[in-house]
């Protein structure tokens, strides 16, 4: 069993982040002096984006500050972010914010990790995809004897869409 270590958020010392990716607040909800010393409460993180990354909110003087959890854990337990770095997940699970699962890396490393972990939206998994893998296979074959404009008419997309699929800008297909 891992031991949980807590570190204060320097810019908001009433908030702490743990090496397990949890967040707690020492702020009191009540001003009742009879309740004794305050105890921390665990903050339930919210979804930062559609990819499943989590964030928490810190409140100070009536202002809200949003913090993505994964870079905050790295900043407090590993080192500050350097220019051009992104917080990456070793296992590809965006809400696993344990310090041992996180590391600083480049944008390219992030893209490579997404592909390796199956988290990238490529081909048919892209929510904006109009063509299927079979369509791209057929487009490649048809391009041997048809003009791009005619292929575009067959598939009901623009000539530019056909050109992008053939050139590999929007689809990569290995025959």
N, C-alpha and C. Protein backbone atom coordinates (compact mmCIF):
# COMPACT_ATOMS: atom_id res chain seq x y z
N UNK A 1 0.84 -1.19 0.00
CA UNK A 1 0.00 0.00 0.00
C UNK A 1 0.88 1.25 0.00
N UNK A 2 0.54 2.17 -0.89
CA UNK A 2 1.34 3.39 -1.00
C UNK A 2 1.01 4.36 0.14
N UNK A 3 2.03 5.06 0.60
CA UNK A 3 1.83 6.08 1.62
C UNK A 3 1.52 7.38 0.90
N UNK A 4 0.47 8.03 1.34
CA UNK A 4 0.06 9.28 0.72
C UNK A 4 0.80 10.45 1.37
N UNK A 5 1.44 11.24 0.53
CA UNK A 5 2.16 12.42 0.99
C UNK A 5 1.45 13.65 0.43
N UNK A 6 1.23 14.65 1.28
CA UNK A 6 0.53 15.86 0.87
C UNK A 6 1.50 17.04 0.82
N UNK A 7 1.32 17.89 -0.21
CA UNK A 7 2.12 19.12 -0.32
C UNK A 7 1.18 20.30 -0.60
N UNK A 8 1.51 21.42 0.04
CA UNK A 8 0.70 22.63 -0.11
C UNK A 8 0.88 23.24 -1.50
N UNK A 9 -0.19 23.77 -2.02
CA UNK A 9 -0.14 24.53 -3.26
C UNK A 9 0.39 25.91 -2.88
N UNK A 10 1.61 26.28 -3.30
CA UNK A 10 2.23 27.53 -2.81
C UNK A 10 1.37 28.77 -3.01
N UNK A 11 0.69 28.87 -4.12
CA UNK A 11 -0.10 30.06 -4.39
C UNK A 11 -1.45 30.06 -3.67
N UNK A 12 -1.87 28.89 -3.13
CA UNK A 12 -3.11 28.76 -2.37
C UNK A 12 -2.86 27.77 -1.23
N UNK A 13 -2.22 28.20 -0.14
CA UNK A 13 -1.79 27.27 0.91
C UNK A 13 -2.90 26.54 1.66
N UNK A 14 -4.14 26.94 1.47
CA UNK A 14 -5.25 26.21 2.10
C UNK A 14 -5.57 24.93 1.33
N UNK A 15 -4.90 24.72 0.20
CA UNK A 15 -5.13 23.54 -0.64
C UNK A 15 -3.86 22.70 -0.69
N UNK A 16 -4.04 21.38 -0.68
CA UNK A 16 -2.92 20.45 -0.77
C UNK A 16 -3.21 19.41 -1.84
N UNK A 17 -2.14 18.94 -2.46
CA UNK A 17 -2.21 17.91 -3.49
C UNK A 17 -1.34 16.75 -3.03
N UNK A 18 -1.79 15.52 -3.28
CA UNK A 18 -1.02 14.36 -2.83
C UNK A 18 -0.29 13.69 -3.98
N UNK A 19 0.67 12.84 -3.61
CA UNK A 19 1.42 12.06 -4.60
C UNK A 19 0.52 11.04 -5.30
N UNK A 20 -0.68 10.82 -4.78
CA UNK A 20 -1.65 9.91 -5.41
C UNK A 20 -2.63 10.65 -6.31
N UNK A 21 -2.43 11.97 -6.43
CA UNK A 21 -3.27 12.76 -7.33
C UNK A 21 -4.57 13.22 -6.69
N UNK A 22 -4.65 13.17 -5.37
CA UNK A 22 -5.85 13.65 -4.70
C UNK A 22 -5.62 15.07 -4.22
N UNK A 23 -6.73 15.80 -4.01
CA UNK A 23 -6.67 17.20 -3.59
C UNK A 23 -7.54 17.36 -2.35
N UNK A 24 -7.06 18.16 -1.41
CA UNK A 24 -7.88 18.46 -0.24
C UNK A 24 -7.76 19.95 0.10
N UNK A 25 -8.78 20.40 0.81
CA UNK A 25 -8.84 21.80 1.21
C UNK A 25 -8.93 21.88 2.73
N UNK A 26 -8.21 22.84 3.30
CA UNK A 26 -8.25 23.09 4.73
C UNK A 26 -9.18 24.26 5.03
N UNK A 27 -9.85 24.78 4.01
CA UNK A 27 -10.76 25.90 4.24
C UNK A 27 -11.97 25.41 5.03
N UNK A 28 -12.41 26.22 5.96
CA UNK A 28 -13.58 25.86 6.76
C UNK A 28 -14.84 26.33 6.07
N UNK A 29 -15.85 25.53 6.15
CA UNK A 29 -17.14 25.93 5.58
C UNK A 29 -17.94 26.74 6.59
N UNK A 30 -17.59 26.64 7.85
CA UNK A 30 -18.34 27.32 8.89
C UNK A 30 -17.39 28.16 9.73
N UNK A 31 -17.88 29.22 10.26
CA UNK A 31 -17.07 30.08 11.13
C UNK A 31 -17.37 29.80 12.59
N UNK A 32 -17.96 28.67 12.89
CA UNK A 32 -18.34 28.32 14.25
C UNK A 32 -17.10 27.98 15.08
N UNK A 33 -16.75 28.81 16.07
CA UNK A 33 -15.54 28.55 16.87
C UNK A 33 -15.69 27.34 17.78
N UNK A 34 -16.90 26.86 18.00
CA UNK A 34 -17.13 25.70 18.87
C UNK A 34 -16.79 24.38 18.19
N UNK A 35 -16.62 24.40 16.89
CA UNK A 35 -16.35 23.15 16.15
C UNK A 35 -14.91 22.70 16.29
N UNK A 36 -14.07 23.53 16.85
CA UNK A 36 -12.68 23.14 17.06
C UNK A 36 -11.86 23.34 15.80
N UNK A 37 -10.63 22.75 15.80
CA UNK A 37 -9.75 22.93 14.64
C UNK A 37 -10.37 22.33 13.38
N UNK A 38 -10.08 22.98 12.29
CA UNK A 38 -10.64 22.49 11.03
C UNK A 38 -9.96 21.19 10.60
N UNK A 39 -10.69 20.38 9.87
CA UNK A 39 -10.15 19.15 9.28
C UNK A 39 -10.23 19.32 7.77
N UNK A 40 -9.29 18.73 7.06
CA UNK A 40 -9.34 18.89 5.60
C UNK A 40 -10.49 18.09 5.00
N UNK A 41 -10.96 18.53 3.87
CA UNK A 41 -11.95 17.76 3.13
C UNK A 41 -11.40 17.48 1.74
N UNK A 42 -11.61 16.26 1.28
CA UNK A 42 -11.16 15.86 -0.06
C UNK A 42 -12.05 16.53 -1.09
N UNK A 43 -11.43 17.09 -2.09
CA UNK A 43 -12.16 17.76 -3.18
C UNK A 43 -12.35 16.76 -4.31
N UNK A 44 -13.58 16.64 -4.78
CA UNK A 44 -13.87 15.78 -5.92
C UNK A 44 -13.49 16.52 -7.19
N UNK A 45 -12.56 15.96 -7.97
CA UNK A 45 -12.14 16.66 -9.20
C UNK A 45 -13.24 16.65 -10.26
N UNK A 46 -13.13 17.57 -11.17
CA UNK A 46 -14.07 17.68 -12.30
C UNK A 46 -13.33 17.33 -13.58
N UNK A 47 -14.09 17.02 -14.63
CA UNK A 47 -13.47 16.73 -15.93
C UNK A 47 -13.00 18.03 -16.56
N UNK A 48 -11.73 18.04 -16.98
CA UNK A 48 -11.17 19.21 -17.64
C UNK A 48 -11.59 19.25 -19.11
N UNK A 49 -11.59 18.07 -19.73
CA UNK A 49 -11.91 18.02 -21.16
C UNK A 49 -12.48 16.65 -21.52
N UNK A 50 -12.80 16.48 -22.78
CA UNK A 50 -13.41 15.23 -23.24
C UNK A 50 -12.45 14.04 -23.17
N UNK A 51 -11.15 14.32 -23.00
CA UNK A 51 -10.17 13.23 -22.92
C UNK A 51 -10.09 12.62 -21.52
N UNK A 52 -10.80 13.19 -20.56
CA UNK A 52 -10.83 12.61 -19.22
C UNK A 52 -9.85 13.19 -18.22
N UNK A 53 -9.10 14.23 -18.59
CA UNK A 53 -8.20 14.87 -17.64
C UNK A 53 -9.03 15.59 -16.58
N UNK A 54 -8.54 15.59 -15.35
CA UNK A 54 -9.27 16.17 -14.23
C UNK A 54 -8.65 17.49 -13.78
N UNK A 55 -9.50 18.35 -13.19
CA UNK A 55 -9.01 19.59 -12.61
C UNK A 55 -9.74 19.82 -11.29
N UNK A 56 -9.19 20.73 -10.49
CA UNK A 56 -9.87 21.15 -9.27
C UNK A 56 -9.90 22.67 -9.25
N UNK A 57 -10.78 23.18 -8.42
CA UNK A 57 -10.92 24.62 -8.29
C UNK A 57 -10.45 25.06 -6.91
N UNK A 58 -9.63 26.09 -6.88
CA UNK A 58 -9.21 26.71 -5.63
C UNK A 58 -9.86 28.09 -5.58
N UNK A 59 -10.42 28.42 -4.43
CA UNK A 59 -11.09 29.70 -4.26
C UNK A 59 -10.27 30.56 -3.31
N UNK A 60 -10.09 31.82 -3.71
CA UNK A 60 -9.34 32.75 -2.88
C UNK A 60 -9.93 34.15 -3.07
N UNK A 61 -10.38 34.75 -1.98
CA UNK A 61 -10.97 36.10 -2.01
C UNK A 61 -12.10 36.20 -3.02
N UNK A 62 -12.91 35.17 -3.10
CA UNK A 62 -14.06 35.17 -4.00
C UNK A 62 -13.72 34.89 -5.46
N UNK A 63 -12.46 34.62 -5.75
CA UNK A 63 -12.04 34.33 -7.13
C UNK A 63 -11.76 32.84 -7.27
N UNK A 64 -12.11 32.31 -8.44
CA UNK A 64 -11.91 30.88 -8.71
C UNK A 64 -10.67 30.69 -9.58
N UNK A 65 -9.86 29.71 -9.21
CA UNK A 65 -8.67 29.35 -9.97
C UNK A 65 -8.76 27.88 -10.33
N UNK A 66 -8.60 27.56 -11.61
CA UNK A 66 -8.67 26.17 -12.07
C UNK A 66 -7.26 25.60 -12.22
N UNK A 67 -7.08 24.38 -11.70
CA UNK A 67 -5.79 23.71 -11.80
C UNK A 67 -5.97 22.31 -12.37
N UNK A 68 -5.38 21.99 -13.52
CA UNK A 68 -5.38 20.61 -13.99
C UNK A 68 -4.53 19.80 -13.00
N UNK A 69 -5.00 18.63 -12.61
CA UNK A 69 -4.33 17.88 -11.56
C UNK A 69 -2.98 17.33 -12.00
N UNK A 70 -2.88 16.73 -13.19
CA UNK A 70 -1.63 16.05 -13.56
C UNK A 70 -0.41 16.98 -13.60
N UNK A 71 -0.47 18.18 -14.21
CA UNK A 71 0.71 19.04 -14.14
C UNK A 71 0.97 19.59 -12.74
N UNK A 72 -0.09 19.73 -11.93
CA UNK A 72 0.08 20.23 -10.57
C UNK A 72 0.83 19.21 -9.72
N UNK A 73 0.49 17.93 -9.87
CA UNK A 73 1.21 16.87 -9.15
C UNK A 73 2.69 16.88 -9.55
N UNK A 74 2.95 16.95 -10.84
CA UNK A 74 4.35 16.97 -11.31
C UNK A 74 5.10 18.18 -10.77
N UNK A 75 4.47 19.32 -10.81
CA UNK A 75 5.11 20.56 -10.35
C UNK A 75 5.45 20.48 -8.86
N UNK A 76 4.58 19.88 -8.05
CA UNK A 76 4.82 19.83 -6.61
C UNK A 76 5.73 18.68 -6.19
N UNK A 77 5.73 17.57 -6.94
CA UNK A 77 6.48 16.38 -6.50
C UNK A 77 7.72 16.07 -7.34
N UNK A 78 7.82 16.61 -8.55
CA UNK A 78 8.98 16.33 -9.40
C UNK A 78 9.80 17.59 -9.59
N UNK A 79 9.26 18.53 -10.34
CA UNK A 79 9.93 19.81 -10.59
C UNK A 79 8.97 20.69 -11.38
N UNK A 80 9.26 21.99 -11.46
CA UNK A 80 8.42 22.87 -12.27
C UNK A 80 8.51 22.53 -13.76
N UNK A 81 7.48 22.90 -14.47
CA UNK A 81 7.43 22.68 -15.92
C UNK A 81 8.44 23.59 -16.61
N UNK A 82 9.14 23.03 -17.60
CA UNK A 82 10.04 23.83 -18.43
C UNK A 82 9.29 24.22 -19.70
N UNK A 83 9.79 25.21 -20.36
CA UNK A 83 9.13 25.69 -21.58
C UNK A 83 9.01 24.57 -22.60
N UNK A 84 7.82 24.44 -23.18
CA UNK A 84 7.57 23.44 -24.22
C UNK A 84 7.19 22.07 -23.69
N UNK A 85 7.14 21.90 -22.38
CA UNK A 85 6.82 20.59 -21.82
C UNK A 85 5.32 20.45 -21.55
N UNK A 86 4.89 19.20 -21.56
CA UNK A 86 3.51 18.85 -21.22
C UNK A 86 3.55 17.73 -20.19
N UNK A 87 2.51 17.67 -19.37
CA UNK A 87 2.39 16.59 -18.39
C UNK A 87 1.80 15.37 -19.10
N UNK A 88 2.51 14.24 -19.04
CA UNK A 88 2.09 13.03 -19.74
C UNK A 88 1.83 11.89 -18.77
N UNK A 89 0.94 10.97 -19.18
CA UNK A 89 0.60 9.80 -18.38
C UNK A 89 1.30 8.57 -18.96
N UNK A 90 2.08 7.88 -18.16
CA UNK A 90 2.80 6.69 -18.63
C UNK A 90 1.87 5.59 -19.13
N UNK A 91 0.75 5.42 -18.45
CA UNK A 91 -0.15 4.31 -18.81
C UNK A 91 -1.30 4.73 -19.73
N UNK A 92 -1.34 6.01 -20.11
CA UNK A 92 -2.38 6.46 -21.04
C UNK A 92 -3.75 6.65 -20.41
N UNK A 93 -3.85 6.52 -19.10
CA UNK A 93 -5.13 6.71 -18.41
C UNK A 93 -5.16 8.13 -17.86
N UNK A 94 -5.97 9.02 -18.46
CA UNK A 94 -5.89 10.44 -18.13
C UNK A 94 -6.32 10.83 -16.72
N UNK A 95 -7.03 9.96 -16.01
CA UNK A 95 -7.39 10.33 -14.64
C UNK A 95 -6.55 9.58 -13.60
N UNK A 96 -5.48 8.91 -14.03
CA UNK A 96 -4.54 8.27 -13.11
C UNK A 96 -3.42 9.27 -12.84
N UNK A 97 -3.59 10.05 -11.79
CA UNK A 97 -2.68 11.16 -11.53
C UNK A 97 -1.68 10.87 -10.41
N UNK A 98 -1.35 9.60 -10.21
CA UNK A 98 -0.30 9.23 -9.26
C UNK A 98 1.03 9.73 -9.82
N UNK A 99 1.89 10.24 -8.94
CA UNK A 99 3.15 10.83 -9.39
C UNK A 99 3.98 9.83 -10.20
N UNK A 100 3.97 8.54 -9.84
CA UNK A 100 4.78 7.57 -10.58
C UNK A 100 4.24 7.29 -11.99
N UNK A 101 3.02 7.72 -12.26
CA UNK A 101 2.44 7.53 -13.59
C UNK A 101 2.63 8.76 -14.47
N UNK A 102 3.20 9.82 -13.94
CA UNK A 102 3.31 11.08 -14.68
C UNK A 102 4.76 11.42 -15.00
N UNK A 103 4.94 12.13 -16.09
CA UNK A 103 6.28 12.66 -16.42
C UNK A 103 6.13 13.84 -17.36
N UNK A 104 7.15 14.69 -17.36
CA UNK A 104 7.19 15.82 -18.29
C UNK A 104 7.72 15.33 -19.63
N UNK A 105 7.10 15.75 -20.70
CA UNK A 105 7.55 15.37 -22.04
C UNK A 105 7.19 16.43 -23.05
N UNK A 106 7.54 16.17 -24.29
CA UNK A 106 7.27 17.12 -25.37
C UNK A 106 5.89 16.86 -25.97
N UNK A 107 5.44 17.78 -26.80
CA UNK A 107 4.18 17.59 -27.51
C UNK A 107 4.25 16.34 -28.38
N UNK A 108 5.37 16.14 -29.05
CA UNK A 108 5.52 14.96 -29.91
C UNK A 108 5.43 13.67 -29.09
N UNK A 109 6.07 13.65 -27.93
CA UNK A 109 5.97 12.48 -27.06
C UNK A 109 4.52 12.23 -26.65
N UNK A 110 3.79 13.31 -26.40
CA UNK A 110 2.38 13.19 -26.03
C UNK A 110 1.59 12.57 -27.18
N UNK A 111 1.82 13.04 -28.40
CA UNK A 111 1.12 12.49 -29.56
C UNK A 111 1.49 11.02 -29.78
N UNK A 112 2.77 10.69 -29.64
CA UNK A 112 3.22 9.30 -29.79
C UNK A 112 2.59 8.41 -28.72
N UNK A 113 2.52 8.92 -27.47
CA UNK A 113 1.89 8.16 -26.39
C UNK A 113 0.42 7.91 -26.68
N UNK A 114 -0.26 8.92 -27.20
CA UNK A 114 -1.69 8.76 -27.50
C UNK A 114 -1.90 7.65 -28.52
N UNK A 115 -1.05 7.60 -29.52
CA UNK A 115 -1.15 6.54 -30.54
C UNK A 115 -0.84 5.19 -29.90
N UNK A 116 0.25 5.12 -29.12
CA UNK A 116 0.66 3.86 -28.49
C UNK A 116 -0.40 3.32 -27.54
N UNK A 117 -1.10 4.23 -26.85
CA UNK A 117 -2.11 3.81 -25.87
C UNK A 117 -3.51 3.69 -26.49
N UNK A 118 -3.61 3.98 -27.79
CA UNK A 118 -4.91 3.88 -28.45
C UNK A 118 -5.86 5.01 -28.09
N UNK A 119 -5.32 6.15 -27.67
CA UNK A 119 -6.15 7.29 -27.28
C UNK A 119 -6.27 8.36 -28.35
N UNK A 120 -5.66 8.15 -29.51
CA UNK A 120 -5.71 9.18 -30.53
C UNK A 120 -6.94 8.96 -31.41
N UNK A 121 -7.45 10.06 -31.91
CA UNK A 121 -8.61 9.98 -32.78
C UNK A 121 -8.13 9.99 -34.23
N UNK A 122 -7.76 8.84 -34.70
CA UNK A 122 -7.29 8.72 -36.07
C UNK A 122 -8.26 7.87 -36.86
N UNK A 123 -8.30 8.14 -38.15
CA UNK A 123 -9.14 7.33 -39.02
C UNK A 123 -10.59 7.36 -38.60
N UNK A 124 -11.23 6.21 -38.57
CA UNK A 124 -12.66 6.13 -38.25
C UNK A 124 -12.97 6.53 -36.82
N UNK A 125 -11.99 6.49 -35.92
CA UNK A 125 -12.26 6.87 -34.54
C UNK A 125 -12.35 8.38 -34.36
N UNK A 126 -11.93 9.15 -35.36
CA UNK A 126 -12.05 10.59 -35.30
C UNK A 126 -13.52 10.96 -35.44
N UNK A 127 -14.03 11.75 -34.51
CA UNK A 127 -15.45 12.10 -34.51
C UNK A 127 -15.87 12.89 -35.75
N UNK A 128 -14.90 13.48 -36.44
CA UNK A 128 -15.22 14.26 -37.65
C UNK A 128 -14.96 13.48 -38.94
N UNK A 129 -14.61 12.22 -38.81
CA UNK A 129 -14.29 11.41 -40.00
C UNK A 129 -15.52 11.24 -40.87
N UNK A 130 -15.33 11.45 -42.16
CA UNK A 130 -16.40 11.26 -43.14
C UNK A 130 -16.20 9.92 -43.86
N UNK A 131 -14.94 9.55 -44.02
CA UNK A 131 -14.59 8.34 -44.75
C UNK A 131 -14.24 7.20 -43.80
N UNK A 132 -14.50 5.98 -44.26
CA UNK A 132 -14.10 4.79 -43.51
C UNK A 132 -12.79 4.27 -44.11
N UNK A 133 -12.19 3.32 -43.44
CA UNK A 133 -10.96 2.72 -43.96
C UNK A 133 -11.23 2.07 -45.32
N UNK A 134 -12.39 1.44 -45.45
CA UNK A 134 -12.75 0.82 -46.74
C UNK A 134 -12.88 1.89 -47.82
N UNK A 135 -13.48 3.04 -47.50
CA UNK A 135 -13.60 4.13 -48.47
C UNK A 135 -12.22 4.57 -48.96
N UNK A 136 -11.29 4.71 -48.05
CA UNK A 136 -9.95 5.17 -48.43
C UNK A 136 -9.26 4.12 -49.29
N UNK A 137 -9.46 2.85 -48.98
CA UNK A 137 -8.93 1.77 -49.82
C UNK A 137 -9.49 1.89 -51.24
N UNK A 138 -10.80 2.09 -51.35
CA UNK A 138 -11.43 2.22 -52.67
C UNK A 138 -10.96 3.48 -53.39
N UNK A 139 -10.82 4.58 -52.67
CA UNK A 139 -10.34 5.82 -53.27
C UNK A 139 -8.95 5.62 -53.86
N UNK A 140 -8.08 4.94 -53.12
CA UNK A 140 -6.73 4.67 -53.63
C UNK A 140 -6.78 3.84 -54.91
N UNK A 141 -7.63 2.85 -54.95
CA UNK A 141 -7.74 2.01 -56.15
C UNK A 141 -8.36 2.79 -57.31
N UNK A 142 -9.40 3.56 -57.02
CA UNK A 142 -10.09 4.32 -58.07
C UNK A 142 -9.19 5.40 -58.66
N UNK A 143 -8.25 5.91 -57.86
CA UNK A 143 -7.38 6.99 -58.33
C UNK A 143 -6.46 6.52 -59.46
N UNK A 144 -6.34 5.21 -59.64
CA UNK A 144 -5.51 4.68 -60.71
C UNK A 144 -6.15 4.87 -62.08
N UNK A 145 -7.48 5.03 -62.12
CA UNK A 145 -8.16 5.15 -63.41
C UNK A 145 -9.23 6.23 -63.45
N UNK A 146 -9.41 7.00 -62.36
CA UNK A 146 -10.43 8.06 -62.34
C UNK A 146 -9.81 9.37 -61.86
N UNK A 147 -10.42 10.48 -62.25
CA UNK A 147 -10.01 11.80 -61.78
C UNK A 147 -10.53 12.02 -60.36
N UNK A 148 -9.79 12.83 -59.61
CA UNK A 148 -10.18 13.11 -58.22
C UNK A 148 -11.58 13.72 -58.14
N UNK A 149 -11.92 14.58 -59.10
CA UNK A 149 -13.25 15.22 -59.08
C UNK A 149 -14.36 14.19 -59.25
N UNK A 150 -14.12 13.16 -60.08
CA UNK A 150 -15.13 12.12 -60.26
C UNK A 150 -15.25 11.24 -59.01
N UNK A 151 -14.11 10.94 -58.38
CA UNK A 151 -14.13 10.15 -57.14
C UNK A 151 -14.87 10.94 -56.05
N UNK A 152 -14.64 12.26 -56.01
CA UNK A 152 -15.30 13.11 -55.02
C UNK A 152 -16.82 13.04 -55.19
N UNK A 153 -17.28 13.02 -56.43
CA UNK A 153 -18.71 12.91 -56.69
C UNK A 153 -19.26 11.59 -56.18
N UNK A 154 -18.53 10.51 -56.41
CA UNK A 154 -18.97 9.18 -55.97
C UNK A 154 -19.12 9.13 -54.44
N UNK A 155 -18.18 9.74 -53.72
CA UNK A 155 -18.20 9.67 -52.25
C UNK A 155 -18.93 10.85 -51.59
N UNK A 156 -19.35 11.81 -52.40
CA UNK A 156 -20.10 12.95 -51.87
C UNK A 156 -19.27 13.88 -51.00
N UNK A 157 -17.98 14.00 -51.31
CA UNK A 157 -17.12 14.94 -50.58
C UNK A 157 -16.39 15.81 -51.59
N UNK A 158 -15.64 16.78 -51.11
CA UNK A 158 -14.95 17.69 -52.02
C UNK A 158 -13.73 17.02 -52.65
N UNK A 159 -13.28 17.62 -53.75
CA UNK A 159 -12.06 17.15 -54.40
C UNK A 159 -10.88 17.28 -53.45
N UNK A 160 -10.87 18.35 -52.62
CA UNK A 160 -9.81 18.56 -51.63
C UNK A 160 -9.80 17.43 -50.60
N UNK A 161 -10.99 16.92 -50.23
CA UNK A 161 -11.07 15.81 -49.29
C UNK A 161 -10.47 14.54 -49.87
N UNK A 162 -10.72 14.32 -51.16
CA UNK A 162 -10.12 13.16 -51.84
C UNK A 162 -8.61 13.31 -51.90
N UNK A 163 -8.15 14.52 -52.26
CA UNK A 163 -6.72 14.78 -52.34
C UNK A 163 -6.04 14.58 -50.99
N UNK A 164 -6.70 15.05 -49.91
CA UNK A 164 -6.14 14.91 -48.56
C UNK A 164 -6.04 13.44 -48.17
N UNK A 165 -7.03 12.63 -48.55
CA UNK A 165 -7.00 11.20 -48.24
C UNK A 165 -5.91 10.50 -49.04
N UNK A 166 -5.76 10.86 -50.31
CA UNK A 166 -4.75 10.23 -51.16
C UNK A 166 -3.33 10.61 -50.74
N UNK A 167 -3.14 11.85 -50.29
CA UNK A 167 -1.80 12.30 -49.92
C UNK A 167 -1.40 11.86 -48.52
N UNK A 168 -2.38 11.36 -47.74
CA UNK A 168 -2.09 10.92 -46.38
C UNK A 168 -2.19 12.02 -45.35
N UNK A 169 -2.66 13.23 -45.75
CA UNK A 169 -2.80 14.32 -44.78
C UNK A 169 -3.90 14.02 -43.77
N UNK A 170 -5.00 13.40 -44.22
CA UNK A 170 -6.09 13.11 -43.31
C UNK A 170 -6.23 11.62 -43.04
N UNK A 171 -5.68 10.80 -43.87
CA UNK A 171 -5.75 9.35 -43.72
C UNK A 171 -4.43 8.75 -44.16
N UNK A 172 -4.02 7.75 -43.45
CA UNK A 172 -2.87 6.97 -43.90
C UNK A 172 -3.39 5.59 -44.21
N UNK A 173 -3.15 5.13 -45.40
CA UNK A 173 -3.59 3.80 -45.77
C UNK A 173 -2.45 3.07 -46.46
N UNK A 174 -2.09 1.91 -45.92
CA UNK A 174 -1.04 1.11 -46.52
C UNK A 174 -1.68 -0.07 -47.22
N UNK A 175 -1.58 -0.09 -48.54
CA UNK A 175 -2.20 -1.17 -49.32
C UNK A 175 -1.49 -2.49 -49.10
